[in-house]
Amino acid sequence: MFAAKDRVGSIPDRIRAVRDKDFKYIHNYHPEMPYLPGNRYSLLTHPSLAALLILGERGELNSDQQPFVAKQKEVEELYDLRNDPY
């Protein structure tokens, strides 16, 4: 399967991905952007997003949650879906 994303709402964010039953590969063309680019509308209409970002800045997220609030993305991501389906 091939996937693409070019924006998150009004925020440009070019991502390409390919996946089969065993692996998922993602290429981030804007690694300087955070995984959750919160624009003002998203922060006002999704209180859980705002709370997640606040908890991340306080260091109150666990190791599974913390990557979602990273300030930058990796250029490339590779996931072994057979050994880690989640």
Protein backbone atom coordinates (compact mmCIF):
# COMPACT_ATOMS: atom_id res chain seq x y z
CA MET A 1 0.00 0.00 0.00
CA PHE A 2 1.20 3.50 -0.79
CA ALA A 3 0.11 6.58 1.16
CA ALA A 4 0.66 10.30 0.95
CA LYS A 5 -0.11 13.38 3.00
CA ASP A 6 0.58 16.91 1.82
CA ARG A 7 -0.96 19.02 4.58
CA VAL A 8 -2.55 19.00 8.02
CA GLY A 9 -5.43 21.44 7.73
CA SER A 10 -3.81 24.65 6.53
CA ILE A 11 -0.26 23.52 7.40
CA PRO A 12 1.84 22.00 4.56
CA ASP A 13 3.44 18.71 5.65
CA ARG A 14 4.64 16.38 2.86
CA ILE A 15 4.87 12.70 3.89
CA ARG A 16 5.10 9.57 1.76
CA ALA A 17 4.75 5.99 2.99
CA VAL A 18 4.78 2.43 1.75
CA ARG A 19 3.61 -0.60 3.67
CA ASP A 20 3.34 -4.34 3.25
CA LYS A 21 2.32 -7.01 5.76
CA ASP A 22 5.71 -6.92 7.50
CA PHE A 23 7.02 -3.35 7.32
CA LYS A 24 5.97 0.27 7.12
CA TYR A 25 8.38 2.90 5.75
CA ILE A 26 7.72 6.64 6.08
CA HIS A 27 9.67 9.49 4.51
CA ASN A 28 9.10 12.93 6.08
CA TYR A 29 9.95 15.80 3.73
CA HIS A 30 9.59 18.36 6.52
CA PRO A 31 11.46 16.79 9.45
CA GLU A 32 11.83 20.23 11.03
CA MET A 33 8.10 20.16 11.81
CA PRO A 34 6.60 18.47 14.88
CA TYR A 35 4.50 15.32 14.59
CA LEU A 36 1.51 17.27 15.90
CA PRO A 37 1.59 20.66 14.21
CA GLY A 38 -1.03 22.38 16.34
CA ASN A 39 -2.57 25.38 14.69
CA ARG A 40 -4.73 27.76 16.70
CA TYR A 41 -8.00 26.21 15.49
CA SER A 42 -6.88 22.68 16.45
CA LEU A 43 -5.75 23.79 19.90
CA LEU A 44 -9.04 25.59 20.57
CA THR A 45 -11.32 22.82 19.28
CA HIS A 46 -9.39 19.78 20.54
CA PRO A 47 -8.67 20.25 24.25
CA SER A 48 -7.01 16.83 24.44
CA LEU A 49 -4.38 17.99 21.91
CA ALA A 50 -3.62 21.07 23.98
CA ALA A 51 -3.40 18.92 27.14
CA LEU A 52 -1.06 16.46 25.42
CA LEU A 53 1.28 19.27 24.37
CA ILE A 54 1.29 20.75 27.88
CA LEU A 55 2.00 17.37 29.49
CA GLY A 56 4.82 16.83 26.99
CA GLU A 57 6.44 20.15 27.85
CA ARG A 58 6.22 19.28 31.54
CA GLY A 59 7.84 15.88 30.91
CA GLU A 60 4.78 14.08 32.26
CA LEU A 61 4.27 11.67 29.36
CA ASN A 62 5.54 8.11 29.34
CA SER A 63 8.04 6.81 26.77
CA ASP A 64 5.25 5.61 24.43
CA GLN A 65 3.48 9.00 24.49
CA GLN A 66 6.47 11.34 24.32
CA PRO A 67 7.30 10.82 20.61
CA PHE A 68 3.92 12.32 19.63
CA VAL A 69 4.99 15.70 21.01
CA ALA A 70 8.53 15.69 19.61
CA LYS A 71 9.57 19.06 18.18
CA GLN A 72 10.95 17.40 15.04
CA LYS A 73 10.30 14.24 13.06
CA GLU A 74 12.85 11.75 11.84
CA VAL A 75 13.56 12.03 8.09
CA GLU A 76 12.90 8.31 7.72
CA GLU A 77 10.91 5.89 9.87
CA LEU A 78 10.83 2.12 9.52
CA TYR A 79 8.46 -0.05 11.53
CA ASP A 80 8.64 -3.84 11.88
CA LEU A 81 4.92 -4.66 11.96
CA ARG A 82 5.41 -8.36 12.51
CA ASN A 83 7.33 -7.85 15.79
CA ASP A 84 5.57 -4.61 16.78
CA PRO A 85 2.07 -4.47 15.29
CA TYR A 86 1.13 -1.34 17.24
